[in-house]
Amino acid sequence: MALPKRFQKFIDEYPDVAAAYEELGNKVHSAGPLDNKTRALIKLAISAGARLKGAVRSHTRKALEAGLTKEEIRHTILLTLPTIGLPSMIAALSWVDEVFEEK
């Protein structure tokens, strides 16, 4: 999976910061008992709630790589409806579908 151009530029310009960020992510993921699939869905839901299009798309790809099905991913987005509202949920669902259409 190719990194977004802007993120790659960040890595190129600030390699030490990018490495520290990567290390932090690894530490947080290994700090508790949740499995990879559960963590992937949580990160996807957080991204949807924050209305972060790039993060929703990225975490959708990561969820697929973790072995989650399209149905599980779409259900995760649907579960955000009562909390983030219909317009935000629909936006997140459209970003997930964009990733599905690319595959």
C-alpha atoms as a PDB file:
ATOM      1  CA  MET A   1       0.000   0.000   0.000  1.00  0.00           C
ATOM      2  CA  ALA A   2       1.456   3.345  -1.036  1.00  0.00           C
ATOM      3  CA  LEU A   3       1.561   6.042   1.592  1.00  0.00           C
ATOM      4  CA  PRO A   4      -0.269   9.306   0.944  1.00  0.00           C
ATOM      5  CA  LYS A   5       2.099  11.837  -0.611  1.00  0.00           C
ATOM      6  CA  ARG A   6       1.781  14.288   2.261  1.00  0.00           C
ATOM      7  CA  PHE A   7       2.576  11.620   4.864  1.00  0.00           C
ATOM      8  CA  GLN A   8       5.568  10.447   2.815  1.00  0.00           C
ATOM      9  CA  LYS A   9       6.793  14.050   2.682  1.00  0.00           C
ATOM     10  CA  PHE A  10       6.476  14.241   6.468  1.00  0.00           C
ATOM     11  CA  ILE A  11       8.572  11.053   6.789  1.00  0.00           C
ATOM     12  CA  ASP A  12      11.182  12.408   4.392  1.00  0.00           C
ATOM     13  CA  GLU A  13      11.415  15.787   6.131  1.00  0.00           C
ATOM     14  CA  TYR A  14      11.238  14.554   9.737  1.00  0.00           C
ATOM     15  CA  PRO A  15      12.495  10.953   9.806  1.00  0.00           C
ATOM     16  CA  ASP A  16      13.247  10.937  13.547  1.00  0.00           C
ATOM     17  CA  VAL A  17       9.797  12.278  14.430  1.00  0.00           C
ATOM     18  CA  ALA A  18       8.158   9.803  12.044  1.00  0.00           C
ATOM     19  CA  ALA A  19      10.105   6.931  13.611  1.00  0.00           C
ATOM     20  CA  ALA A  20       9.070   8.043  17.098  1.00  0.00           C
ATOM     21  CA  TYR A  21       5.444   8.261  15.952  1.00  0.00           C
ATOM     22  CA  GLU A  22       5.672   4.732  14.528  1.00  0.00           C
ATOM     23  CA  GLU A  23       7.226   3.463  17.763  1.00  0.00           C
ATOM     24  CA  LEU A  24       4.456   5.096  19.813  1.00  0.00           C
ATOM     25  CA  GLY A  25       1.833   3.377  17.659  1.00  0.00           C
ATOM     26  CA  ASN A  26       3.534   0.015  18.133  1.00  0.00           C
ATOM     27  CA  LYS A  27       3.745   0.495  21.908  1.00  0.00           C
ATOM     28  CA  VAL A  28       0.085   1.489  22.203  1.00  0.00           C
ATOM     29  CA  HIS A  29      -1.064  -1.481  20.120  1.00  0.00           C
ATOM     30  CA  SER A  30       0.887  -3.943  22.258  1.00  0.00           C
ATOM     31  CA  ALA A  31      -0.050  -2.365  25.602  1.00  0.00           C
ATOM     32  CA  GLY A  32      -3.262  -4.312  26.123  1.00  0.00           C
ATOM     33  CA  PRO A  33      -5.206  -7.485  25.461  1.00  0.00           C
ATOM     34  CA  LEU A  34      -7.173  -6.457  22.356  1.00  0.00           C
ATOM     35  CA  ASP A  35      -6.530  -8.450  19.206  1.00  0.00           C
ATOM     36  CA  ASN A  36      -5.559  -6.901  15.876  1.00  0.00           C
ATOM     37  CA  LYS A  37      -9.084  -7.054  14.407  1.00  0.00           C
ATOM     38  CA  THR A  38     -10.662  -5.384  17.425  1.00  0.00           C
ATOM     39  CA  ARG A  39      -8.012  -2.653  17.434  1.00  0.00           C
ATOM     40  CA  ALA A  40      -8.561  -2.070  13.712  1.00  0.00           C
ATOM     41  CA  LEU A  41     -12.306  -1.589  14.210  1.00  0.00           C
ATOM     42  CA  ILE A  42     -11.811   0.748  17.168  1.00  0.00           C
ATOM     43  CA  LYS A  43      -9.380   2.904  15.180  1.00  0.00           C
ATOM     44  CA  LEU A  44     -11.855   2.977  12.289  1.00  0.00           C
ATOM     45  CA  ALA A  45     -14.710   4.048  14.573  1.00  0.00           C
ATOM     46  CA  ILE A  46     -12.598   6.781  16.191  1.00  0.00           C
ATOM     47  CA  SER A  47     -11.640   8.090  12.749  1.00  0.00           C
ATOM     48  CA  ALA A  48     -15.281   8.134  11.664  1.00  0.00           C
ATOM     49  CA  GLY A  49     -16.305   9.969  14.828  1.00  0.00           C
ATOM     50  CA  ALA A  50     -13.644  12.593  14.253  1.00  0.00           C
ATOM     51  CA  ARG A  51     -14.724  12.940  10.577  1.00  0.00           C
ATOM     52  CA  LEU A  52     -11.191  12.299   9.370  1.00  0.00           C
ATOM     53  CA  LYS A  53     -11.598  11.167   5.758  1.00  0.00           C
ATOM     54  CA  GLY A  54      -7.974  10.162   5.259  1.00  0.00           C
ATOM     55  CA  ALA A  55      -7.913   8.237   8.527  1.00  0.00           C
ATOM     56  CA  VAL A  56     -11.192   6.437   7.732  1.00  0.00           C
ATOM     57  CA  ARG A  57      -9.797   5.407   4.359  1.00  0.00           C
ATOM     58  CA  SER A  58      -6.469   4.327   5.883  1.00  0.00           C
ATOM     59  CA  HIS A  59      -8.072   2.359   8.704  1.00  0.00           C
ATOM     60  CA  THR A  60     -10.477   0.730   6.259  1.00  0.00           C
ATOM     61  CA  ARG A  61      -7.500  -0.570   4.275  1.00  0.00           C
ATOM     62  CA  LYS A  62      -5.803  -1.712   7.494  1.00  0.00           C
ATOM     63  CA  ALA A  63      -8.997  -3.450   8.645  1.00  0.00           C
ATOM     64  CA  LEU A  64      -9.165  -5.349   5.364  1.00  0.00           C
ATOM     65  CA  GLU A  65      -5.505  -6.321   5.751  1.00  0.00           C
ATOM     66  CA  ALA A  66      -6.290  -7.544   9.280  1.00  0.00           C
ATOM     67  CA  GLY A  67      -8.826  -9.942   7.791  1.00  0.00           C
ATOM     68  CA  LEU A  68     -12.038  -8.089   8.510  1.00  0.00           C
ATOM     69  CA  THR A  69     -14.888  -8.397   6.040  1.00  0.00           C
ATOM     70  CA  LYS A  70     -16.606  -5.554   4.238  1.00  0.00           C
ATOM     71  CA  GLU A  71     -19.729  -6.360   6.251  1.00  0.00           C
ATOM     72  CA  GLU A  72     -17.853  -6.044   9.569  1.00  0.00           C
ATOM     73  CA  ILE A  73     -16.347  -2.733   8.483  1.00  0.00           C
ATOM     74  CA  ARG A  74     -19.675  -1.338   7.281  1.00  0.00           C
ATOM     75  CA  HIS A  75     -21.357  -2.498  10.526  1.00  0.00           C
ATOM     76  CA  THR A  76     -18.704  -0.626  12.516  1.00  0.00           C
ATOM     77  CA  ILE A  77     -19.551   2.563  10.634  1.00  0.00           C
ATOM     78  CA  LEU A  78     -23.283   1.946  11.050  1.00  0.00           C
ATOM     79  CA  LEU A  79     -22.762   1.652  14.822  1.00  0.00           C
ATOM     80  CA  THR A  80     -21.526   5.254  14.878  1.00  0.00           C
ATOM     81  CA  LEU A  81     -24.955   6.549  13.797  1.00  0.00           C
ATOM     82  CA  PRO A  82     -26.526   7.193  17.231  1.00  0.00           C
ATOM     83  CA  THR A  83     -23.372   8.876  18.489  1.00  0.00           C
ATOM     84  CA  ILE A  84     -22.142  10.989  15.569  1.00  0.00           C
ATOM     85  CA  GLY A  85     -25.401  11.491  13.652  1.00  0.00           C
ATOM     86  CA  LEU A  86     -26.677  10.606  10.215  1.00  0.00           C
ATOM     87  CA  PRO A  87     -24.672  13.092   8.097  1.00  0.00           C
ATOM     88  CA  SER A  88     -21.353  12.127   9.686  1.00  0.00           C
ATOM     89  CA  MET A  89     -22.111   8.412   9.487  1.00  0.00           C
ATOM     90  CA  ILE A  90     -23.128   8.702   5.824  1.00  0.00           C
ATOM     91  CA  ALA A  91     -19.900  10.587   5.071  1.00  0.00           C
ATOM     92  CA  ALA A  92     -17.817   7.893   6.772  1.00  0.00           C
ATOM     93  CA  LEU A  93     -19.725   5.162   4.960  1.00  0.00           C
ATOM     94  CA  SER A  94     -19.008   6.861   1.635  1.00  0.00           C
ATOM     95  CA  TRP A  95     -15.261   6.979   2.459  1.00  0.00           C
ATOM     96  CA  VAL A  96     -15.301   3.266   3.331  1.00  0.00           C
ATOM     97  CA  ASP A  97     -17.100   2.498   0.066  1.00  0.00           C
ATOM     98  CA  GLU A  98     -14.473   4.483  -1.860  1.00  0.00           C
ATOM     99  CA  VAL A  99     -11.823   2.111  -0.517  1.00  0.00           C
ATOM    100  CA  PHE A 100     -13.949  -0.931  -1.368  1.00  0.00           C
ATOM    101  CA  GLU A 101     -14.402   0.344  -4.916  1.00  0.00           C
ATOM    102  CA  GLU A 102     -10.610   0.728  -5.298  1.00  0.00           C
ATOM    103  CA  LYS A 103     -10.021  -2.937  -4.427  1.00  0.00           C
END
